[in-house]
C-alpha atoms as a PDB file:
ATOM      1  CA  MET A   1      84.416-108.365 123.140  1.00  0.00           C
ATOM      2  CA  GLU A   2      87.183-106.005 124.244  1.00  0.00           C
ATOM      3  CA  THR A   3      88.137-105.434 120.610  1.00  0.00           C
ATOM      4  CA  CYS A   4      84.593-104.388 119.714  1.00  0.00           C
ATOM      5  CA  MET A   5      84.440-102.068 122.726  1.00  0.00           C
ATOM      6  CA  SER A   6      87.810-100.549 121.782  1.00  0.00           C
ATOM      7  CA  ILE A   7      86.512 -99.780 118.298  1.00  0.00           C
ATOM      8  CA  VAL A   8      83.349 -98.187 119.702  1.00  0.00           C
ATOM      9  CA  ILE A   9      85.426 -96.130 122.152  1.00  0.00           C
ATOM     10  CA  GLY A  10      87.674 -94.938 119.306  1.00  0.00           C
ATOM     11  CA  ILE A  11      84.646 -93.950 117.230  1.00  0.00           C
ATOM     12  CA  LEU A  12      83.141 -92.017 120.147  1.00  0.00           C
ATOM     13  CA  PHE A  13      86.416 -90.190 120.769  1.00  0.00           C
ATOM     14  CA  ALA A  14      86.741 -89.359 117.055  1.00  0.00           C
ATOM     15  CA  ILE A  15      83.182 -88.012 116.854  1.00  0.00           C
ATOM     16  CA  GLY A  16      83.649 -86.012 120.073  1.00  0.00           C
ATOM     17  CA  THR A  17      86.926 -84.528 118.862  1.00  0.00           C
ATOM     18  CA  TYR A  18      85.353 -83.572 115.530  1.00  0.00           C
ATOM     19  CA  LEU A  19      82.468 -81.845 117.299  1.00  0.00           C
ATOM     20  CA  ILE A  20      84.759 -79.999 119.730  1.00  0.00           C
ATOM     21  CA  LEU A  21      86.733 -78.527 116.825  1.00  0.00           C
ATOM     22  CA  SER A  22      83.633 -76.895 115.291  1.00  0.00           C
ATOM     23  CA  LYS A  23      82.644 -73.251 115.688  1.00  0.00           C
ATOM     24  CA  THR A  24      79.228 -73.487 117.373  1.00  0.00           C
ATOM     25  CA  LEU A  25      78.763 -73.849 121.106  1.00  0.00           C
ATOM     26  CA  LEU A  26      76.087 -76.538 120.859  1.00  0.00           C
ATOM     27  CA  ARG A  27      78.367 -78.853 118.893  1.00  0.00           C
ATOM     28  CA  ILE A  28      81.189 -78.264 121.362  1.00  0.00           C
ATOM     29  CA  ILE A  29      78.904 -79.183 124.263  1.00  0.00           C
ATOM     30  CA  LEU A  30      77.676 -82.319 122.492  1.00  0.00           C
ATOM     31  CA  GLY A  31      81.283 -83.239 121.702  1.00  0.00           C
ATOM     32  CA  THR A  32      82.297 -83.050 125.355  1.00  0.00           C
ATOM     33  CA  SER A  33      79.307 -85.167 126.305  1.00  0.00           C
ATOM     34  CA  ILE A  34      80.145 -87.817 123.703  1.00  0.00           C
ATOM     35  CA  ILE A  35      83.766 -87.926 124.890  1.00  0.00           C
ATOM     36  CA  GLY A  36      82.411 -88.391 128.426  1.00  0.00           C
ATOM     37  CA  HIS A  37      80.435 -91.424 127.242  1.00  0.00           C
ATOM     38  CA  GLY A  38      83.573 -92.753 125.584  1.00  0.00           C
ATOM     39  CA  VAL A  39      85.455 -92.405 128.859  1.00  0.00           C
ATOM     40  CA  ASN A  40      82.689 -94.316 130.641  1.00  0.00           C
ATOM     41  CA  LEU A  41      82.985 -97.177 128.169  1.00  0.00           C
ATOM     42  CA  LEU A  42      86.768 -97.051 128.544  1.00  0.00           C
ATOM     43  CA  LEU A  43      86.460 -97.399 132.321  1.00  0.00           C
ATOM     44  CA  LEU A  44      84.092-100.333 131.914  1.00  0.00           C
ATOM     45  CA  THR A  45      86.378-102.049 129.415  1.00  0.00           C
ATOM     46  CA  MET A  46      89.505-101.519 131.493  1.00  0.00           C
ATOM     47  CA  GLY A  47      87.710-102.910 134.535  1.00  0.00           C
ATOM     48  CA  GLY A  48      87.269-106.169 132.688  1.00  0.00           C
ATOM     49  CA  LEU A  49      84.327-107.528 130.745  1.00  0.00           C
ATOM     50  CA  LYS A  50      83.788-110.789 132.549  1.00  0.00           C
ATOM     51  CA  LYS A  51      80.755-112.716 133.626  1.00  0.00           C
ATOM     52  CA  GLY A  52      80.250-113.597 137.235  1.00  0.00           C
ATOM     53  CA  GLY A  53      78.025-113.269 140.218  1.00  0.00           C
ATOM     54  CA  PRO A  54      77.590-110.311 142.491  1.00  0.00           C
ATOM     55  CA  PRO A  55      80.264-109.919 145.161  1.00  0.00           C
ATOM     56  CA  LEU A  56      78.189-111.338 148.014  1.00  0.00           C
ATOM     57  CA  LEU A  57      79.709-113.737 150.522  1.00  0.00           C
ATOM     58  CA  SER A  58      76.572-115.838 150.993  1.00  0.00           C
ATOM     59  CA  LEU A  59      76.526-117.041 147.355  1.00  0.00           C
ATOM     60  CA  ASN A  60      78.498-120.098 146.316  1.00  0.00           C
ATOM     61  CA  THR A  61      79.865-118.790 143.004  1.00  0.00           C
ATOM     62  CA  LEU A  62      83.446-119.092 141.891  1.00  0.00           C
ATOM     63  CA  THR A  63      83.779-115.877 139.853  1.00  0.00           C
ATOM     64  CA  PHE A  64      82.831-112.410 140.965  1.00  0.00           C
ATOM     65  CA  THR A  65      82.548-109.159 139.068  1.00  0.00           C
ATOM     66  CA  ASP A  66      84.309-106.059 140.335  1.00  0.00           C
ATOM     67  CA  PRO A  67      81.762-103.401 141.409  1.00  0.00           C
ATOM     68  CA  LEU A  68      84.307-100.542 141.496  1.00  0.00           C
ATOM     69  CA  PRO A  69      84.265 -99.696 137.736  1.00  0.00           C
ATOM     70  CA  GLN A  70      80.480 -99.707 137.787  1.00  0.00           C
ATOM     71  CA  ALA A  71      80.419 -97.324 140.761  1.00  0.00           C
ATOM     72  CA  LEU A  72      82.916 -95.026 139.032  1.00  0.00           C
ATOM     73  CA  ILE A  73      80.819 -95.030 135.873  1.00  0.00           C
ATOM     74  CA  LEU A  74      77.624 -94.167 137.763  1.00  0.00           C
ATOM     75  CA  THR A  75      79.414 -91.238 139.375  1.00  0.00           C
ATOM     76  CA  ALA A  76      80.829 -90.139 136.015  1.00  0.00           C
ATOM     77  CA  ILE A  77      77.377 -90.278 134.393  1.00  0.00           C
ATOM     78  CA  VAL A  78      75.948 -87.947 137.044  1.00  0.00           C
ATOM     79  CA  ILE A  79      78.869 -85.526 136.744  1.00  0.00           C
ATOM     80  CA  ASN A  80      78.659 -85.606 132.917  1.00  0.00           C
ATOM     81  CA  PHE A  81      74.923 -84.862 133.048  1.00  0.00           C
ATOM     82  CA  ALA A  82      75.412 -81.960 135.453  1.00  0.00           C
ATOM     83  CA  THR A  83      78.221 -80.353 133.463  1.00  0.00           C
ATOM     84  CA  THR A  84      76.302 -80.783 130.195  1.00  0.00           C
ATOM     85  CA  ALA A  85      73.243 -79.124 131.732  1.00  0.00           C
ATOM     86  CA  LEU A  86      75.393 -76.266 133.063  1.00  0.00           C
ATOM     87  CA  PHE A  87      77.080 -75.753 129.681  1.00  0.00           C
ATOM     88  CA  LEU A  88      73.711 -75.761 127.896  1.00  0.00           C
ATOM     89  CA  VAL A  89      72.308 -73.132 130.254  1.00  0.00           C
ATOM     90  CA  LEU A  90      75.418 -70.966 129.889  1.00  0.00           C
ATOM     91  CA  SER A  91      75.388 -71.234 126.103  1.00  0.00           C
ATOM     92  CA  TYR A  92      71.663 -70.400 125.977  1.00  0.00           C
ATOM     93  CA  ARG A  93      72.259 -67.333 128.133  1.00  0.00           C
ATOM     94  CA  ALA A  94      75.189 -66.264 125.961  1.00  0.00           C
ATOM     95  CA  TYR A  95      73.039 -66.685 122.868  1.00  0.00           C
ATOM     96  CA  LYS A  96      70.222 -64.598 124.367  1.00  0.00           C
ATOM     97  CA  VAL A  97      72.570 -61.808 125.480  1.00  0.00           C
ATOM     98  CA  LEU A  98      74.974 -61.716 122.532  1.00  0.00           C
ATOM     99  CA  GLY A  99      72.752 -63.020 119.731  1.00  0.00           C
ATOM    100  CA  THR A 100      75.186 -65.621 118.411  1.00  0.00           C
ATOM    101  CA  ASP A 101      76.608 -69.011 119.265  1.00  0.00           C
ATOM    102  CA  ASP A 102      79.621 -68.752 116.962  1.00  0.00           C
ATOM    103  CA  VAL A 103      82.802 -69.044 119.007  1.00  0.00           C
ATOM    104  CA  GLU A 104      84.799 -66.651 116.821  1.00  0.00           C
ATOM    105  CA  GLN A 105      82.150 -63.945 117.135  1.00  0.00           C
ATOM    106  CA  LEU A 106      81.998 -64.501 120.894  1.00  0.00           C
ATOM    107  CA  ARG A 107      85.759 -63.926 121.089  1.00  0.00           C
ATOM    108  CA  GLY A 108      85.389 -60.670 119.181  1.00  0.00           C
ATOM    109  CA  TYR A 109      86.824 -61.712 115.841  1.00  0.00           C
ATOM    110  CA  ASN A 110      84.793 -60.043 113.106  1.00  0.00           C
ATOM    111  CA  ASP A 111      85.023 -61.314 109.550  1.00  0.00           C
ATOM    112  CA  GLU A 112      83.544 -58.133 108.191  1.00  0.00           C
END
């Protein structure tokens, strides 16, 4: 299972990197969000993909799952959502004010 998750994580990082290297702001924002999802899967995979009961003392199970990676991932999901929303609002405002979402035109490079 870890091999399959590693392949999915590599694909997500490749797609995110490809989108970050494009010229439009929307693709850059989506690329950062996809890389954030890849990091979440990486945290889950590194925490161990094992089956077990919840870490409660009253249960008589022999194996327990570690709740720390899951807590870190929930926090990362909220932070990723907030930063994506902020970037989308900033890019929309830049598009309304400047009339373009091309990164080179926003930097002042004119191809004319």
